């Protein structure tokens, strides 16, 4: 796991982490505690979610849990949305 290999020493208060994914757990444990620790060690955490916002926190999506550890969460399904997210981050 990347966290075991790099997370404990590779992340500093100068690090920015960008997570891309739909935040679905496939009904497995969320790992929210790991994201919380990452956020504690980093300058910022941003999540780019390719699912429509209307599907967030449905069935096995736990983006609401992850969002509490992020500086911002963005719906990014198109290039335009990606540009908008990057502009807001900068």
PDB file of N, CA and C in Angstrom:
ATOM      1  N   UNK A   1       0.848  -1.192   0.000  1.00  0.00           N
ATOM      2  CA  UNK A   1       0.000   0.000   0.000  1.00  0.00           C
ATOM      3  C   UNK A   1       0.882   1.241   0.000  1.00  0.00           C
ATOM      4  N   UNK A   2       0.509   2.223  -0.801  1.00  0.00           N
ATOM      5  CA  UNK A   2       1.303   3.440  -0.908  1.00  0.00           C
ATOM      6  C   UNK A   2       1.440   4.166   0.415  1.00  0.00           C
ATOM      7  N   UNK A   3       0.371   4.156   1.219  1.00  0.00           N
ATOM      8  CA  UNK A   3       0.426   4.857   2.509  1.00  0.00           C
ATOM      9  C   UNK A   3       1.528   4.288   3.387  1.00  0.00           C
ATOM     10  N   UNK A   4       1.620   2.984   3.442  1.00  0.00           N
ATOM     11  CA  UNK A   4       2.646   2.347   4.273  1.00  0.00           C
ATOM     12  C   UNK A   4       4.034   2.691   3.751  1.00  0.00           C
ATOM     13  N   UNK A   5       4.182   2.678   2.432  1.00  0.00           N
ATOM     14  CA  UNK A   5       5.504   2.899   1.846  1.00  0.00           C
ATOM     15  C   UNK A   5       5.942   4.362   1.867  1.00  0.00           C
ATOM     16  N   UNK A   6       5.018   5.298   1.564  1.00  0.00           N
ATOM     17  CA  UNK A   6       5.403   6.697   1.413  1.00  0.00           C
ATOM     18  C   UNK A   6       4.713   7.658   2.375  1.00  0.00           C
ATOM     19  N   UNK A   7       3.535   7.322   2.817  1.00  0.00           N
ATOM     20  CA  UNK A   7       2.709   8.276   3.548  1.00  0.00           C
ATOM     21  C   UNK A   7       3.292   8.771   4.843  1.00  0.00           C
ATOM     22  N   UNK A   8       3.948   7.927   5.563  1.00  0.00           N
ATOM     23  CA  UNK A   8       4.440   8.322   6.881  1.00  0.00           C
ATOM     24  C   UNK A   8       5.630   9.261   6.813  1.00  0.00           C
ATOM     25  N   UNK A   9       6.397   9.197   5.737  1.00  0.00           N
ATOM     26  CA  UNK A   9       7.580  10.053   5.641  1.00  0.00           C
ATOM     27  C   UNK A   9       7.554  10.964   4.421  1.00  0.00           C
ATOM     28  N   UNK A  10       6.800  10.613   3.393  1.00  0.00           N
ATOM     29  CA  UNK A  10       6.832  11.371   2.147  1.00  0.00           C
ATOM     30  C   UNK A  10       5.922  12.580   2.111  1.00  0.00           C
ATOM     31  N   UNK A  11       5.018  12.708   3.056  1.00  0.00           N
ATOM     32  CA  UNK A  11       4.080  13.826   3.062  1.00  0.00           C
ATOM     33  C   UNK A  11       4.510  14.852   4.099  1.00  0.00           C
ATOM     34  N   UNK A  12       4.509  16.116   3.682  1.00  0.00           N
ATOM     35  CA  UNK A  12       4.880  17.191   4.594  1.00  0.00           C
ATOM     36  C   UNK A  12       3.848  18.307   4.483  1.00  0.00           C
ATOM     37  N   UNK A  13       4.041  19.334   5.280  1.00  0.00           N
ATOM     38  CA  UNK A  13       3.123  20.475   5.225  1.00  0.00           C
ATOM     39  C   UNK A  13       3.296  21.296   3.948  1.00  0.00           C
ATOM     40  N   UNK A  14       4.209  20.881   3.081  1.00  0.00           N
ATOM     41  CA  UNK A  14       4.366  21.494   1.757  1.00  0.00           C
ATOM     42  C   UNK A  14       3.678  20.672   0.673  1.00  0.00           C
ATOM     43  N   UNK A  15       3.169  19.495   1.024  1.00  0.00           N
ATOM     44  CA  UNK A  15       2.559  18.585   0.050  1.00  0.00           C
ATOM     45  C   UNK A  15       1.119  18.978  -0.248  1.00  0.00           C
ATOM     46  N   UNK A  16       0.740  18.796  -1.508  1.00  0.00           N
ATOM     47  CA  UNK A  16      -0.650  18.898  -1.934  1.00  0.00           C
ATOM     48  C   UNK A  16      -1.019  17.564  -2.556  1.00  0.00           C
ATOM     49  N   UNK A  17      -2.119  16.986  -2.106  1.00  0.00           N
ATOM     50  CA  UNK A  17      -2.571  15.688  -2.607  1.00  0.00           C
ATOM     51  C   UNK A  17      -3.835  15.909  -3.422  1.00  0.00           C
ATOM     52  N   UNK A  18      -3.855  15.344  -4.628  1.00  0.00           N
ATOM     53  CA  UNK A  18      -5.045  15.385  -5.474  1.00  0.00           C
ATOM     54  C   UNK A  18      -5.501  13.950  -5.685  1.00  0.00           C
ATOM     55  N   UNK A  19      -6.712  13.665  -5.247  1.00  0.00           N
ATOM     56  CA  UNK A  19      -7.292  12.332  -5.377  1.00  0.00           C
ATOM     57  C   UNK A  19      -8.271  12.369  -6.543  1.00  0.00           C
ATOM     58  N   UNK A  20      -8.196  11.381  -7.410  1.00  0.00           N
ATOM     59  CA  UNK A  20      -9.171  11.265  -8.486  1.00  0.00           C
ATOM     60  C   UNK A  20      -9.891   9.937  -8.331  1.00  0.00           C
ATOM     61  N   UNK A  21     -11.206   9.979  -8.389  1.00  0.00           N
ATOM     62  CA  UNK A  21     -11.975   8.752  -8.272  1.00  0.00           C
ATOM     63  C   UNK A  21     -13.393   9.033  -7.833  1.00  0.00           C
ATOM     64  N   UNK A  22     -14.214   8.012  -7.924  1.00  0.00           N
ATOM     65  CA  UNK A  22     -15.639   8.178  -7.647  1.00  0.00           C
ATOM     66  C   UNK A  22     -16.017   7.997  -6.186  1.00  0.00           C
ATOM     67  N   UNK A  23     -15.068   7.684  -5.331  1.00  0.00           N
ATOM     68  CA  UNK A  23     -15.307   7.551  -3.885  1.00  0.00           C
ATOM     69  C   UNK A  23     -16.255   6.412  -3.549  1.00  0.00           C
ATOM     70  N   UNK A  24     -16.299   5.420  -4.380  1.00  0.00           N
ATOM     71  CA  UNK A  24     -17.107   4.235  -4.100  1.00  0.00           C
ATOM     72  C   UNK A  24     -16.242   3.201  -3.398  1.00  0.00           C
ATOM     73  N   UNK A  25     -16.800   2.567  -2.418  1.00  0.00           N
ATOM     74  CA  UNK A  25     -16.050   1.620  -1.595  1.00  0.00           C
ATOM     75  C   UNK A  25     -16.239   0.174  -2.016  1.00  0.00           C
ATOM     76  N   UNK A  26     -17.194  -0.086  -2.899  1.00  0.00           N
ATOM     77  CA  UNK A  26     -17.572  -1.465  -3.216  1.00  0.00           C
ATOM     78  C   UNK A  26     -17.909  -2.228  -1.937  1.00  0.00           C
ATOM     79  N   UNK A  27     -18.512  -1.476  -0.995  1.00  0.00           N
ATOM     80  CA  UNK A  27     -18.994  -2.007   0.278  1.00  0.00           C
ATOM     81  C   UNK A  27     -17.866  -2.553   1.153  1.00  0.00           C
ATOM     82  N   UNK A  28     -16.687  -1.981   1.000  1.00  0.00           N
ATOM     83  CA  UNK A  28     -15.541  -2.321   1.858  1.00  0.00           C
ATOM     84  C   UNK A  28     -15.321  -1.164   2.827  1.00  0.00           C
ATOM     85  N   UNK A  29     -14.444  -1.341   3.814  1.00  0.00           N
ATOM     86  CA  UNK A  29     -14.152  -0.233   4.729  1.00  0.00           C
ATOM     87  C   UNK A  29     -13.687   1.008   3.955  1.00  0.00           C
ATOM     88  N   UNK A  30     -14.039   2.183   4.448  1.00  0.00           N
ATOM     89  CA  UNK A  30     -13.810   3.422   3.700  1.00  0.00           C
ATOM     90  C   UNK A  30     -12.357   3.882   3.686  1.00  0.00           C
ATOM     91  N   UNK A  31     -11.610   3.616   4.719  1.00  0.00           N
ATOM     92  CA  UNK A  31     -10.255   4.151   4.803  1.00  0.00           C
ATOM     93  C   UNK A  31     -10.243   5.637   5.128  1.00  0.00           C
ATOM     94  N   UNK A  32     -11.346   6.137   5.640  1.00  0.00           N
ATOM     95  CA  UNK A  32     -11.425   7.551   5.991  1.00  0.00           C
ATOM     96  C   UNK A  32     -10.364   7.976   6.989  1.00  0.00           C
ATOM     97  N   UNK A  33      -9.968   7.071   7.862  1.00  0.00           N
ATOM     98  CA  UNK A  33      -8.923   7.386   8.833  1.00  0.00           C
ATOM     99  C   UNK A  33      -7.590   7.666   8.141  1.00  0.00           C
ATOM    100  N   UNK A  34      -7.314   6.955   7.053  1.00  0.00           N
ATOM    101  CA  UNK A  34      -6.076   7.192   6.302  1.00  0.00           C
ATOM    102  C   UNK A  34      -6.133   8.561   5.630  1.00  0.00           C
ATOM    103  N   UNK A  35      -7.253   8.900   5.010  1.00  0.00           N
ATOM    104  CA  UNK A  35      -7.381  10.203   4.378  1.00  0.00           C
ATOM    105  C   UNK A  35      -7.279  11.317   5.417  1.00  0.00           C
ATOM    106  N   UNK A  36      -7.831  11.096   6.582  1.00  0.00           N
ATOM    107  CA  UNK A  36      -7.721  12.073   7.667  1.00  0.00           C
ATOM    108  C   UNK A  36      -6.261  12.312   8.038  1.00  0.00           C
ATOM    109  N   UNK A  37      -5.501  11.255   8.136  1.00  0.00           N
ATOM    110  CA  UNK A  37      -4.072  11.381   8.474  1.00  0.00           C
ATOM    111  C   UNK A  37      -3.307  12.073   7.345  1.00  0.00           C
ATOM    112  N   UNK A  38      -3.628  11.748   6.112  1.00  0.00           N
ATOM    113  CA  UNK A  38      -3.003  12.424   4.971  1.00  0.00           C
ATOM    114  C   UNK A  38      -3.289  13.922   5.046  1.00  0.00           C
ATOM    115  N   UNK A  39      -4.537  14.274   5.277  1.00  0.00           N
ATOM    116  CA  UNK A  39      -4.927  15.681   5.355  1.00  0.00           C
ATOM    117  C   UNK A  39      -4.217  16.392   6.499  1.00  0.00           C
ATOM    118  N   UNK A  40      -4.040  15.705   7.599  1.00  0.00           N
ATOM    119  CA  UNK A  40      -3.356  16.298   8.751  1.00  0.00           C
ATOM    120  C   UNK A  40      -1.905  16.622   8.423  1.00  0.00           C
ATOM    121  N   UNK A  41      -1.273  15.796   7.603  1.00  0.00           N
ATOM    122  CA  UNK A  41       0.149  15.966   7.283  1.00  0.00           C
ATOM    123  C   UNK A  41       0.398  16.924   6.121  1.00  0.00           C
ATOM    124  N   UNK A  42      -0.610  17.187   5.296  1.00  0.00           N
ATOM    125  CA  UNK A  42      -0.419  17.950   4.060  1.00  0.00           C
ATOM    126  C   UNK A  42      -0.915  19.376   4.173  1.00  0.00           C
ATOM    127  N   UNK A  43      -0.479  20.166   3.199  1.00  0.00           N
ATOM    128  CA  UNK A  43      -0.968  21.542   3.085  1.00  0.00           C
ATOM    129  C   UNK A  43      -2.406  21.548   2.608  1.00  0.00           C
ATOM    130  N   UNK A  44      -2.713  20.658   1.636  1.00  0.00           N
ATOM    131  CA  UNK A  44      -4.067  20.645   1.076  1.00  0.00           C
ATOM    132  C   UNK A  44      -4.361  19.285   0.453  1.00  0.00           C
ATOM    133  N   UNK A  45      -5.655  18.924   0.458  1.00  0.00           N
ATOM    134  CA  UNK A  45      -6.149  17.724  -0.210  1.00  0.00           C
ATOM    135  C   UNK A  45      -7.352  18.136  -1.050  1.00  0.00           C
ATOM    136  N   UNK A  46      -7.315  17.762  -2.333  1.00  0.00           N
ATOM    137  CA  UNK A  46      -8.419  18.040  -3.250  1.00  0.00           C
ATOM    138  C   UNK A  46      -8.888  16.726  -3.851  1.00  0.00           C
ATOM    139  N   UNK A  47     -10.191  16.595  -4.038  1.00  0.00           N
ATOM    140  CA  UNK A  47     -10.763  15.384  -4.625  1.00  0.00           C
ATOM    141  C   UNK A  47     -11.469  15.758  -5.923  1.00  0.00           C
ATOM    142  N   UNK A  48     -11.115  15.064  -7.009  1.00  0.00           N
ATOM    143  CA  UNK A  48     -11.761  15.249  -8.304  1.00  0.00           C
ATOM    144  C   UNK A  48     -12.618  14.015  -8.567  1.00  0.00           C
ATOM    145  N   UNK A  49     -13.928  14.210  -8.557  1.00  0.00           N
ATOM    146  CA  UNK A  49     -14.866  13.091  -8.660  1.00  0.00           C
ATOM    147  C   UNK A  49     -15.523  13.085 -10.043  1.00  0.00           C
ATOM    148  N   UNK A  50     -15.380  11.995 -10.805  1.00  0.00           N
ATOM    149  CA  UNK A  50     -15.939  11.955 -12.160  1.00  0.00           C
ATOM    150  C   UNK A  50     -17.431  11.647 -12.216  1.00  0.00           C
ATOM    151  N   UNK A  51     -18.049  11.378 -11.089  1.00  0.00           N
ATOM    152  CA  UNK A  51     -19.485  11.074 -11.099  1.00  0.00           C
ATOM    153  C   UNK A  51     -20.307  12.355 -11.022  1.00  0.00           C
ATOM    154  N   UNK A  52     -21.502  12.327 -11.588  1.00  0.00           N
ATOM    155  CA  UNK A  52     -22.398  13.478 -11.419  1.00  0.00           C
ATOM    156  C   UNK A  52     -22.684  13.706  -9.938  1.00  0.00           C
ATOM    157  N   UNK A  53     -22.708  14.954  -9.543  1.00  0.00           N
ATOM    158  CA  UNK A  53     -22.947  15.299  -8.127  1.00  0.00           C
ATOM    159  C   UNK A  53     -24.228  14.629  -7.603  1.00  0.00           C
ATOM    160  N   UNK A  54     -25.213  14.441  -8.458  1.00  0.00           N
ATOM    161  CA  UNK A  54     -26.473  13.818  -8.024  1.00  0.00           C
ATOM    162  C   UNK A  54     -26.293  12.372  -7.576  1.00  0.00           C
ATOM    163  N   UNK A  55     -25.185  11.751  -7.945  1.00  0.00           N
ATOM    164  CA  UNK A  55     -24.934  10.371  -7.537  1.00  0.00           C
ATOM    165  C   UNK A  55     -23.993  10.255  -6.341  1.00  0.00           C
ATOM    166  N   UNK A  56     -23.501  11.388  -5.862  1.00  0.00           N
ATOM    167  CA  UNK A  56     -22.614  11.361  -4.702  1.00  0.00           C
ATOM    168  C   UNK A  56     -23.408  10.898  -3.481  1.00  0.00           C
ATOM    169  N   UNK A  57     -22.778  10.094  -2.655  1.00  0.00           N
ATOM    170  CA  UNK A  57     -23.371   9.566  -1.420  1.00  0.00           C
ATOM    171  C   UNK A  57     -24.609   8.711  -1.694  1.00  0.00           C
ATOM    172  N   UNK A  58     -24.634   8.048  -2.847  1.00  0.00           N
ATOM    173  CA  UNK A  58     -25.670   7.067  -3.126  1.00  0.00           C
ATOM    174  C   UNK A  58     -25.024   5.689  -3.136  1.00  0.00           C
ATOM    175  N   UNK A  59     -25.797   4.694  -2.856  1.00  0.00           N
ATOM    176  CA  UNK A  59     -25.337   3.295  -2.757  1.00  0.00           C
ATOM    177  C   UNK A  59     -24.013   3.243  -2.004  1.00  0.00           C
ATOM    178  N   UNK A  60     -22.913   2.879  -2.660  1.00  0.00           N
ATOM    179  CA  UNK A  60     -21.645   2.698  -1.940  1.00  0.00           C
ATOM    180  C   UNK A  60     -20.702   3.896  -2.059  1.00  0.00           C
ATOM    181  N   UNK A  61     -21.197   5.049  -2.511  1.00  0.00           N
ATOM    182  CA  UNK A  61     -20.386   6.260  -2.579  1.00  0.00           C
ATOM    183  C   UNK A  61     -20.300   6.892  -1.194  1.00  0.00           C
ATOM    184  N   UNK A  62     -19.094   7.212  -0.763  1.00  0.00           N
ATOM    185  CA  UNK A  62     -18.891   7.817   0.558  1.00  0.00           C
ATOM    186  C   UNK A  62     -18.151   9.151   0.444  1.00  0.00           C
ATOM    187  N   UNK A  63     -18.399   9.871  -0.629  1.00  0.00           N
ATOM    188  CA  UNK A  63     -17.696  11.131  -0.839  1.00  0.00           C
ATOM    189  C   UNK A  63     -17.961  12.115   0.297  1.00  0.00           C
ATOM    190  N   UNK A  64     -19.115  12.049   0.900  1.00  0.00           N
ATOM    191  CA  UNK A  64     -19.404  12.929   2.036  1.00  0.00           C
ATOM    192  C   UNK A  64     -18.447  12.696   3.191  1.00  0.00           C
ATOM    193  N   UNK A  65     -18.108  11.443   3.444  1.00  0.00           N
ATOM    194  CA  UNK A  65     -17.135  11.135   4.502  1.00  0.00           C
ATOM    195  C   UNK A  65     -15.757  11.655   4.120  1.00  0.00           C
ATOM    196  N   UNK A  66     -15.366  11.436   2.875  1.00  0.00           N
ATOM    197  CA  UNK A  66     -14.047  11.878   2.432  1.00  0.00           C
ATOM    198  C   UNK A  66     -13.965  13.400   2.361  1.00  0.00           C
ATOM    199  N   UNK A  67     -15.048  14.038   1.975  1.00  0.00           N
ATOM    200  CA  UNK A  67     -15.055  15.495   1.785  1.00  0.00           C
ATOM    201  C   UNK A  67     -14.694  16.237   3.062  1.00  0.00           C
ATOM    202  N   UNK A  68     -15.032  15.680   4.206  1.00  0.00           N
ATOM    203  CA  UNK A  68     -14.719  16.377   5.450  1.00  0.00           C
ATOM    204  C   UNK A  68     -13.217  16.475   5.697  1.00  0.00           C
ATOM    205  N   UNK A  69     -12.428  15.695   4.975  1.00  0.00           N
ATOM    206  CA  UNK A  69     -10.972  15.727   5.116  1.00  0.00           C
ATOM    207  C   UNK A  69     -10.304  16.480   3.960  1.00  0.00           C
ATOM    208  N   UNK A  70     -11.103  16.995   3.038  1.00  0.00           N
ATOM    209  CA  UNK A  70     -10.572  17.669   1.848  1.00  0.00           C
ATOM    210  C   UNK A  70     -10.766  19.173   1.950  1.00  0.00           C
ATOM    211  N   UNK A  71      -9.863  19.894   1.321  1.00  0.00           N
ATOM    212  CA  UNK A  71     -10.019  21.342   1.234  1.00  0.00           C
ATOM    213  C   UNK A  71     -11.100  21.710   0.233  1.00  0.00           C
ATOM    214  N   UNK A  72     -11.287  20.868  -0.782  1.00  0.00           N
ATOM    215  CA  UNK A  72     -12.365  21.057  -1.755  1.00  0.00           C
ATOM    216  C   UNK A  72     -12.591  19.750  -2.502  1.00  0.00           C
ATOM    217  N   UNK A  73     -13.830  19.556  -2.938  1.00  0.00           N
ATOM    218  CA  UNK A  73     -14.218  18.401  -3.751  1.00  0.00           C
ATOM    219  C   UNK A  73     -14.908  18.954  -4.993  1.00  0.00           C
ATOM    220  N   UNK A  74     -14.515  18.436  -6.151  1.00  0.00           N
ATOM    221  CA  UNK A  74     -15.039  18.942  -7.416  1.00  0.00           C
ATOM    222  C   UNK A  74     -15.615  17.814  -8.261  1.00  0.00           C
ATOM    223  N   UNK A  75     -16.724  18.091  -8.917  1.00  0.00           N
ATOM    224  CA  UNK A  75     -17.205  17.195  -9.970  1.00  0.00           C
ATOM    225  C   UNK A  75     -16.378  17.495 -11.212  1.00  0.00           C
ATOM    226  N   UNK A  76     -15.691  16.489 -11.720  1.00  0.00           N
ATOM    227  CA  UNK A  76     -14.841  16.676 -12.896  1.00  0.00           C
ATOM    228  C   UNK A  76     -15.141  15.563 -13.889  1.00  0.00           C
ATOM    229  N   UNK A  77     -16.078  15.854 -14.790  1.00  0.00           N
ATOM    230  CA  UNK A  77     -16.481  14.905 -15.828  1.00  0.00           C
ATOM    231  C   UNK A  77     -16.052  15.363 -17.206  1.00  0.00           C
ATOM    232  N   UNK A  78     -15.703  16.637 -17.307  1.00  0.00           N
ATOM    233  CA  UNK A  78     -15.336  17.202 -18.604  1.00  0.00           C
ATOM    234  C   UNK A  78     -14.053  18.009 -18.463  1.00  0.00           C
ATOM    235  N   UNK A  79     -13.462  18.316 -19.594  1.00  0.00           N
ATOM    236  CA  UNK A  79     -12.265  19.149 -19.591  1.00  0.00           C
ATOM    237  C   UNK A  79     -12.566  20.528 -19.018  1.00  0.00           C
ATOM    238  N   UNK A  80     -13.723  21.075 -19.332  1.00  0.00           N
ATOM    239  CA  UNK A  80     -14.119  22.385 -18.798  1.00  0.00           C
ATOM    240  C   UNK A  80     -14.197  22.347 -17.269  1.00  0.00           C
ATOM    241  N   UNK A  81     -14.771  21.283 -16.723  1.00  0.00           N
ATOM    242  CA  UNK A  81     -14.845  21.161 -15.262  1.00  0.00           C
ATOM    243  C   UNK A  81     -13.457  21.022 -14.651  1.00  0.00           C
ATOM    244  N   UNK A  82     -12.566  20.332 -15.338  1.00  0.00           N
ATOM    245  CA  UNK A  82     -11.195  20.198 -14.852  1.00  0.00           C
ATOM    246  C   UNK A  82     -10.511  21.559 -14.816  1.00  0.00           C
ATOM    247  N   UNK A  83     -10.668  22.334 -15.876  1.00  0.00           N
ATOM    248  CA  UNK A  83     -10.091  23.676 -15.918  1.00  0.00           C
ATOM    249  C   UNK A  83     -10.654  24.522 -14.783  1.00  0.00           C
ATOM    250  N   UNK A  84     -11.963  24.471 -14.574  1.00  0.00           N
ATOM    251  CA  UNK A  84     -12.591  25.240 -13.492  1.00  0.00           C
ATOM    252  C   UNK A  84     -12.036  24.829 -12.125  1.00  0.00           C
ATOM    253  N   UNK A  85     -11.869  23.531 -11.913  1.00  0.00           N
ATOM    254  CA  UNK A  85     -11.337  23.041 -10.633  1.00  0.00           C
ATOM    255  C   UNK A  85      -9.909  23.533 -10.423  1.00  0.00           C
ATOM    256  N   UNK A  86      -9.088  23.426 -11.437  1.00  0.00           N
ATOM    257  CA  UNK A  86      -7.699  23.870 -11.320  1.00  0.00           C
ATOM    258  C   UNK A  86      -7.637  25.368 -11.045  1.00  0.00           C
ATOM    259  N   UNK A  87      -8.460  26.135 -11.713  1.00  0.00           N
ATOM    260  CA  UNK A  87      -8.477  27.578 -11.487  1.00  0.00           C
ATOM    261  C   UNK A  87      -8.887  27.906 -10.055  1.00  0.00           C
ATOM    262  N   UNK A  88      -9.806  27.158  -9.502  1.00  0.00           N
ATOM    263  CA  UNK A  88     -10.235  27.389  -8.120  1.00  0.00           C
ATOM    264  C   UNK A  88      -9.153  26.968  -7.125  1.00  0.00           C
ATOM    265  N   UNK A  89      -8.410  25.924  -7.466  1.00  0.00           N
ATOM    266  CA  UNK A  89      -7.321  25.477  -6.591  1.00  0.00           C
ATOM    267  C   UNK A  89      -6.195  26.513  -6.568  1.00  0.00           C
ATOM    268  N   UNK A  90      -5.894  27.051  -7.739  1.00  0.00           N
ATOM    269  CA  UNK A  90      -4.794  28.035  -7.821  1.00  0.00           C
ATOM    270  C   UNK A  90      -5.207  29.328  -7.195  1.00  0.00           C
TER     271      UNK A  90
END
